[in-house]
Amino acid sequence: MGKKKLAVFASGSGTNFEAIAQACADGRLDAEVALMVCDQPGAAVVARAERFGVPAFVASPKEMGGKAAFEAEIVRRMDALGIDLVCLAGYMRILSDVLLDAYGGRIINIHPSLLPAFRGAHAVEQAVEYGVKVYGITIHYVNAELDGGKIIAQRAFEYDGDDPEEVHRIGQKIEHALYVETIQKLLSNL
């Protein structure tokens, strides 16, 4: 039986994409990243995908005629590749029924808070503003609710400061390890 195939979606720098791709290259993940999807042409993740030789689909929904057409093309490409698991890694779009109907139960996301607290794009900033002392990372299944799918894994860390950038730096190291560990566990059950 061949390696499991991953699609990794990202919108920005792609550090989680790189952690996943490197883990596949090192053999820590018994999988291959078969597709990288990015909705932001020019994002740094595109160059990371090139370095790893990962095929990329890079387009904005506007240039594809809207979200439904954009996601339908993604589904077509993933179906053609036989994707087993979809990993959102800093993908800053809410998925529609087009993707959820096609890959529901096989789409996971990593989020920089201990869900269900601090959902959305500015979770770390909200947590710092609120004055929390324990931060964390959550990996969850994706459903139609923003950061609302069933939680798969969480890891907490303490921080007693007020610098969101520092929280992001600390959290990112945890994200990279936790995402790889969680993906491997999920793949072993597929």
C-alpha atoms as a PDB file:
ATOM      1  CA  MET A   1       0.000   0.000   0.000  1.00  0.00           C
ATOM      2  CA  GLY A   2       1.372   3.418  -0.990  1.00  0.00           C
ATOM      3  CA  LYS A   3       1.887   6.412   1.228  1.00  0.00           C
ATOM      4  CA  LYS A   4      -1.142   8.416   2.305  1.00  0.00           C
ATOM      5  CA  LYS A   5      -1.610  11.649   0.393  1.00  0.00           C
ATOM      6  CA  LEU A   6      -2.034  15.013   2.044  1.00  0.00           C
ATOM      7  CA  ALA A   7      -3.297  18.324   0.730  1.00  0.00           C
ATOM      8  CA  VAL A   8      -2.080  21.287   2.764  1.00  0.00           C
ATOM      9  CA  PHE A   9      -3.920  24.614   2.487  1.00  0.00           C
ATOM     10  CA  ALA A  10      -2.126  27.827   3.490  1.00  0.00           C
ATOM     11  CA  SER A  11      -2.514  31.558   2.923  1.00  0.00           C
ATOM     12  CA  GLY A  12       0.712  33.030   4.279  1.00  0.00           C
ATOM     13  CA  SER A  13       4.268  32.190   5.224  1.00  0.00           C
ATOM     14  CA  GLY A  14       3.775  28.442   5.328  1.00  0.00           C
ATOM     15  CA  THR A  15       5.766  27.403   8.379  1.00  0.00           C
ATOM     16  CA  ASN A  16       3.269  24.651   9.224  1.00  0.00           C
ATOM     17  CA  PHE A  17       3.298  23.554   5.574  1.00  0.00           C
ATOM     18  CA  GLU A  18       7.085  23.293   5.788  1.00  0.00           C
ATOM     19  CA  ALA A  19       6.944  21.355   9.073  1.00  0.00           C
ATOM     20  CA  ILE A  20       4.565  18.837   7.477  1.00  0.00           C
ATOM     21  CA  ALA A  21       6.525  18.569   4.223  1.00  0.00           C
ATOM     22  CA  GLN A  22       9.819  18.163   6.125  1.00  0.00           C
ATOM     23  CA  ALA A  23       8.314  15.458   8.336  1.00  0.00           C
ATOM     24  CA  CYS A  24       7.240  13.601   5.187  1.00  0.00           C
ATOM     25  CA  ALA A  25      10.723  13.998   3.683  1.00  0.00           C
ATOM     26  CA  ASP A  26      12.371  12.792   6.924  1.00  0.00           C
ATOM     27  CA  GLY A  27      10.068   9.798   7.235  1.00  0.00           C
ATOM     28  CA  ARG A  28       8.531  11.028  10.501  1.00  0.00           C
ATOM     29  CA  LEU A  29       5.223  11.140   8.640  1.00  0.00           C
ATOM     30  CA  ASP A  30       4.315   8.132   6.554  1.00  0.00           C
ATOM     31  CA  ALA A  31       2.743  10.329   3.906  1.00  0.00           C
ATOM     32  CA  GLU A  32       3.455  12.704   1.065  1.00  0.00           C
ATOM     33  CA  VAL A  33       2.220  16.219   0.511  1.00  0.00           C
ATOM     34  CA  ALA A  34       0.628  15.729  -2.892  1.00  0.00           C
ATOM     35  CA  LEU A  35      -0.856  19.228  -3.202  1.00  0.00           C
ATOM     36  CA  MET A  36      -0.448  22.661  -1.646  1.00  0.00           C
ATOM     37  CA  VAL A  37      -3.414  25.013  -2.036  1.00  0.00           C
ATOM     38  CA  CYS A  38      -2.962  28.747  -1.586  1.00  0.00           C
ATOM     39  CA  ASP A  39      -5.508  31.512  -2.080  1.00  0.00           C
ATOM     40  CA  GLN A  40      -2.903  34.301  -2.002  1.00  0.00           C
ATOM     41  CA  PRO A  41      -0.691  34.487  -5.102  1.00  0.00           C
ATOM     42  CA  GLY A  42       2.715  35.707  -3.960  1.00  0.00           C
ATOM     43  CA  ALA A  43       2.462  34.226  -0.453  1.00  0.00           C
ATOM     44  CA  ALA A  44       5.722  32.842   0.939  1.00  0.00           C
ATOM     45  CA  VAL A  45       4.238  29.329   1.168  1.00  0.00           C
ATOM     46  CA  VAL A  46       4.372  29.123  -2.642  1.00  0.00           C
ATOM     47  CA  ALA A  47       8.186  29.286  -2.596  1.00  0.00           C
ATOM     48  CA  ARG A  48       8.289  26.714   0.216  1.00  0.00           C
ATOM     49  CA  ALA A  49       6.188  24.326  -1.879  1.00  0.00           C
ATOM     50  CA  GLU A  50       8.572  24.814  -4.822  1.00  0.00           C
ATOM     51  CA  ARG A  51      11.578  23.996  -2.606  1.00  0.00           C
ATOM     52  CA  PHE A  52       9.928  20.730  -1.561  1.00  0.00           C
ATOM     53  CA  GLY A  53       8.808  19.926  -5.111  1.00  0.00           C
ATOM     54  CA  VAL A  54       5.155  19.927  -4.050  1.00  0.00           C
ATOM     55  CA  PRO A  55       2.629  20.725  -6.787  1.00  0.00           C
ATOM     56  CA  ALA A  56       0.733  23.903  -5.966  1.00  0.00           C
ATOM     57  CA  PHE A  57      -2.666  25.269  -6.877  1.00  0.00           C
ATOM     58  CA  VAL A  58      -2.438  29.023  -6.344  1.00  0.00           C
ATOM     59  CA  ALA A  59      -5.367  31.254  -7.245  1.00  0.00           C
ATOM     60  CA  SER A  60      -7.748  33.746  -5.731  1.00  0.00           C
ATOM     61  CA  PRO A  61     -11.437  32.885  -5.649  1.00  0.00           C
ATOM     62  CA  LYS A  62     -12.215  36.158  -7.469  1.00  0.00           C
ATOM     63  CA  GLU A  63     -10.141  35.191 -10.495  1.00  0.00           C
ATOM     64  CA  MET A  64     -11.850  31.771 -10.554  1.00  0.00           C
ATOM     65  CA  GLY A  65     -15.359  33.227 -10.739  1.00  0.00           C
ATOM     66  CA  GLY A  66     -16.158  33.005  -7.022  1.00  0.00           C
ATOM     67  CA  LYS A  67     -15.781  30.751  -4.016  1.00  0.00           C
ATOM     68  CA  ALA A  68     -17.892  27.841  -5.299  1.00  0.00           C
ATOM     69  CA  ALA A  69     -15.963  27.575  -8.577  1.00  0.00           C
ATOM     70  CA  PHE A  70     -12.646  27.957  -6.730  1.00  0.00           C
ATOM     71  CA  GLU A  71     -13.483  25.167  -4.288  1.00  0.00           C
ATOM     72  CA  ALA A  72     -14.909  22.944  -7.048  1.00  0.00           C
ATOM     73  CA  GLU A  73     -11.549  23.163  -8.835  1.00  0.00           C
ATOM     74  CA  ILE A  74      -9.742  22.279  -5.604  1.00  0.00           C
ATOM     75  CA  VAL A  75     -12.008  19.242  -5.112  1.00  0.00           C
ATOM     76  CA  ARG A  76     -11.401  18.173  -8.721  1.00  0.00           C
ATOM     77  CA  ARG A  77      -7.637  18.343  -8.221  1.00  0.00           C
ATOM     78  CA  MET A  78      -7.742  16.535  -4.862  1.00  0.00           C
ATOM     79  CA  ASP A  79      -9.988  13.792  -6.252  1.00  0.00           C
ATOM     80  CA  ALA A  80      -7.595  13.292  -9.177  1.00  0.00           C
ATOM     81  CA  LEU A  81      -4.692  12.879  -6.744  1.00  0.00           C
ATOM     82  CA  GLY A  82      -6.539  10.592  -4.315  1.00  0.00           C
ATOM     83  CA  ILE A  83      -6.082  12.881  -1.304  1.00  0.00           C
ATOM     84  CA  ASP A  84      -6.603  11.092   2.022  1.00  0.00           C
ATOM     85  CA  LEU A  85      -6.421  14.028   4.451  1.00  0.00           C
ATOM     86  CA  VAL A  86      -6.719  17.808   4.103  1.00  0.00           C
ATOM     87  CA  CYS A  87      -4.647  19.883   6.536  1.00  0.00           C
ATOM     88  CA  LEU A  88      -5.453  23.578   6.898  1.00  0.00           C
ATOM     89  CA  ALA A  89      -2.269  25.353   7.965  1.00  0.00           C
ATOM     90  CA  GLY A  90      -2.876  29.063   8.250  1.00  0.00           C
ATOM     91  CA  TYR A  91      -5.545  29.003   5.556  1.00  0.00           C
ATOM     92  CA  MET A  92      -7.521  32.160   6.145  1.00  0.00           C
ATOM     93  CA  ARG A  93     -10.778  31.268   4.403  1.00  0.00           C
ATOM     94  CA  ILE A  94     -13.918  29.664   5.743  1.00  0.00           C
ATOM     95  CA  LEU A  95     -14.724  26.541   3.737  1.00  0.00           C
ATOM     96  CA  SER A  96     -18.080  26.180   2.014  1.00  0.00           C
ATOM     97  CA  ASP A  97     -20.241  23.118   1.501  1.00  0.00           C
ATOM     98  CA  VAL A  98     -18.398  22.425  -1.763  1.00  0.00           C
ATOM     99  CA  LEU A  99     -15.285  21.275   0.147  1.00  0.00           C
ATOM    100  CA  LEU A 100     -17.081  20.141   3.295  1.00  0.00           C
ATOM    101  CA  ASP A 101     -19.447  17.859   1.361  1.00  0.00           C
ATOM    102  CA  ALA A 102     -16.587  16.325  -0.622  1.00  0.00           C
ATOM    103  CA  TYR A 103     -14.056  15.884   2.202  1.00  0.00           C
ATOM    104  CA  GLY A 104     -16.044  16.265   5.426  1.00  0.00           C
ATOM    105  CA  GLY A 105     -14.494  14.255   8.249  1.00  0.00           C
ATOM    106  CA  ARG A 106     -11.117  14.390   6.487  1.00  0.00           C
ATOM    107  CA  ILE A 107     -10.350  18.098   6.887  1.00  0.00           C
ATOM    108  CA  ILE A 108      -8.411  19.278   9.933  1.00  0.00           C
ATOM    109  CA  ASN A 109      -7.242  22.690  11.083  1.00  0.00           C
ATOM    110  CA  ILE A 110      -4.668  24.020  13.513  1.00  0.00           C
ATOM    111  CA  HIS A 111      -5.674  27.023  15.623  1.00  0.00           C
ATOM    112  CA  PRO A 112      -3.565  29.156  18.015  1.00  0.00           C
ATOM    113  CA  SER A 113      -5.803  28.950  21.077  1.00  0.00           C
ATOM    114  CA  LEU A 114      -7.324  26.412  23.408  1.00  0.00           C
ATOM    115  CA  LEU A 115     -10.672  26.158  21.659  1.00  0.00           C
ATOM    116  CA  PRO A 116     -13.478  26.794  22.232  1.00  0.00           C
ATOM    117  CA  ALA A 117     -11.929  30.009  23.607  1.00  0.00           C
ATOM    118  CA  PHE A 118     -10.741  32.707  21.209  1.00  0.00           C
ATOM    119  CA  ARG A 119     -12.030  31.604  17.819  1.00  0.00           C
ATOM    120  CA  GLY A 120     -11.219  33.362  14.579  1.00  0.00           C
ATOM    121  CA  ALA A 121      -8.290  35.086  12.939  1.00  0.00           C
ATOM    122  CA  HIS A 122      -7.062  37.159  15.898  1.00  0.00           C
ATOM    123  CA  ALA A 123      -7.147  34.549  18.657  1.00  0.00           C
ATOM    124  CA  VAL A 124      -3.724  35.322  20.133  1.00  0.00           C
ATOM    125  CA  GLU A 125      -4.332  39.056  20.222  1.00  0.00           C
ATOM    126  CA  GLN A 126      -7.714  38.481  21.894  1.00  0.00           C
ATOM    127  CA  ALA A 127      -6.157  36.166  24.488  1.00  0.00           C
ATOM    128  CA  VAL A 128      -3.380  38.657  25.289  1.00  0.00           C
ATOM    129  CA  GLU A 129      -5.912  41.479  25.590  1.00  0.00           C
ATOM    130  CA  TYR A 130      -8.008  39.336  27.924  1.00  0.00           C
ATOM    131  CA  GLY A 131      -4.923  38.650  30.070  1.00  0.00           C
ATOM    132  CA  VAL A 132      -4.873  34.856  29.942  1.00  0.00           C
ATOM    133  CA  LYS A 133      -1.874  33.098  31.495  1.00  0.00           C
ATOM    134  CA  VAL A 134      -2.261  29.716  29.758  1.00  0.00           C
ATOM    135  CA  TYR A 135      -2.258  29.702  25.970  1.00  0.00           C
ATOM    136  CA  GLY A 136      -2.371  26.798  23.633  1.00  0.00           C
ATOM    137  CA  ILE A 137      -2.781  25.130  20.291  1.00  0.00           C
ATOM    138  CA  THR A 138      -5.802  23.151  19.096  1.00  0.00           C
ATOM    139  CA  ILE A 139      -6.159  20.767  16.186  1.00  0.00           C
ATOM    140  CA  HIS A 140      -9.763  20.116  15.244  1.00  0.00           C
ATOM    141  CA  TYR A 141     -11.942  18.739  12.491  1.00  0.00           C
ATOM    142  CA  VAL A 142     -13.403  21.400  10.216  1.00  0.00           C
ATOM    143  CA  ASN A 143     -17.138  21.831   9.944  1.00  0.00           C
ATOM    144  CA  ALA A 144     -19.421  24.702   8.899  1.00  0.00           C
ATOM    145  CA  GLU A 145     -18.940  26.527  12.229  1.00  0.00           C
ATOM    146  CA  LEU A 146     -15.902  28.812  12.573  1.00  0.00           C
ATOM    147  CA  ASP A 147     -13.298  26.874  14.601  1.00  0.00           C
ATOM    148  CA  GLY A 148     -16.169  24.722  15.817  1.00  0.00           C
ATOM    149  CA  GLY A 149     -15.363  21.157  14.762  1.00  0.00           C
ATOM    150  CA  LYS A 150     -14.594  18.322  17.156  1.00  0.00           C
ATOM    151  CA  ILE A 151     -11.266  18.781  18.937  1.00  0.00           C
ATOM    152  CA  ILE A 152      -8.612  16.181  18.098  1.00  0.00           C
ATOM    153  CA  ALA A 153      -5.601  17.425  20.091  1.00  0.00           C
ATOM    154  CA  GLN A 154      -4.553  20.326  22.289  1.00  0.00           C
ATOM    155  CA  ARG A 155      -1.339  21.435  23.928  1.00  0.00           C
ATOM    156  CA  ALA A 156      -1.078  24.260  26.463  1.00  0.00           C
ATOM    157  CA  PHE A 157       1.778  26.529  27.495  1.00  0.00           C
ATOM    158  CA  GLU A 158       2.151  29.222  30.115  1.00  0.00           C
ATOM    159  CA  TYR A 159       3.069  32.785  29.261  1.00  0.00           C
ATOM    160  CA  ASP A 160       2.881  35.763  31.601  1.00  0.00           C
ATOM    161  CA  GLY A 161       3.443  38.706  29.325  1.00  0.00           C
ATOM    162  CA  ASP A 162       1.647  40.961  26.888  1.00  0.00           C
ATOM    163  CA  ASP A 163       3.459  40.495  23.568  1.00  0.00           C
ATOM    164  CA  PRO A 164       1.312  38.738  20.941  1.00  0.00           C
ATOM    165  CA  GLU A 165       4.359  38.227  18.711  1.00  0.00           C
ATOM    166  CA  GLU A 166       6.126  36.326  21.474  1.00  0.00           C
ATOM    167  CA  VAL A 167       3.040  34.174  22.018  1.00  0.00           C
ATOM    168  CA  HIS A 168       2.990  33.440  18.279  1.00  0.00           C
ATOM    169  CA  ARG A 169       6.703  32.458  18.341  1.00  0.00           C
ATOM    170  CA  ILE A 170       6.273  30.135  21.317  1.00  0.00           C
ATOM    171  CA  GLY A 171       3.079  28.679  19.901  1.00  0.00           C
ATOM    172  CA  GLN A 172       4.528  28.072  16.457  1.00  0.00           C
ATOM    173  CA  LYS A 173       7.168  25.690  17.797  1.00  0.00           C
ATOM    174  CA  ILE A 174       4.435  23.726  19.556  1.00  0.00           C
ATOM    175  CA  GLU A 175       2.206  23.837  16.448  1.00  0.00           C
ATOM    176  CA  HIS A 176       4.825  22.247  14.217  1.00  0.00           C
ATOM    177  CA  ALA A 177       5.398  19.254  16.485  1.00  0.00           C
ATOM    178  CA  LEU A 178       1.757  18.771  17.494  1.00  0.00           C
ATOM    179  CA  TYR A 179       0.455  18.942  13.918  1.00  0.00           C
ATOM    180  CA  VAL A 180       2.907  16.309  12.683  1.00  0.00           C
ATOM    181  CA  GLU A 181       2.137  14.005  15.643  1.00  0.00           C
ATOM    182  CA  THR A 182      -1.610  14.393  15.148  1.00  0.00           C
ATOM    183  CA  ILE A 183      -1.494  13.848  11.383  1.00  0.00           C
ATOM    184  CA  GLN A 184       0.478  10.625  11.891  1.00  0.00           C
ATOM    185  CA  LYS A 185      -2.090   9.365  14.418  1.00  0.00           C
ATOM    186  CA  LEU A 186      -4.969  10.176  12.084  1.00  0.00           C
ATOM    187  CA  LEU A 187      -3.276   8.541   9.086  1.00  0.00           C
ATOM    188  CA  SER A 188      -2.673   5.362  11.031  1.00  0.00           C
ATOM    189  CA  ASN A 189      -6.460   5.075  11.441  1.00  0.00           C
ATOM    190  CA  LEU A 190      -7.303   5.696   7.766  1.00  0.00           C
END
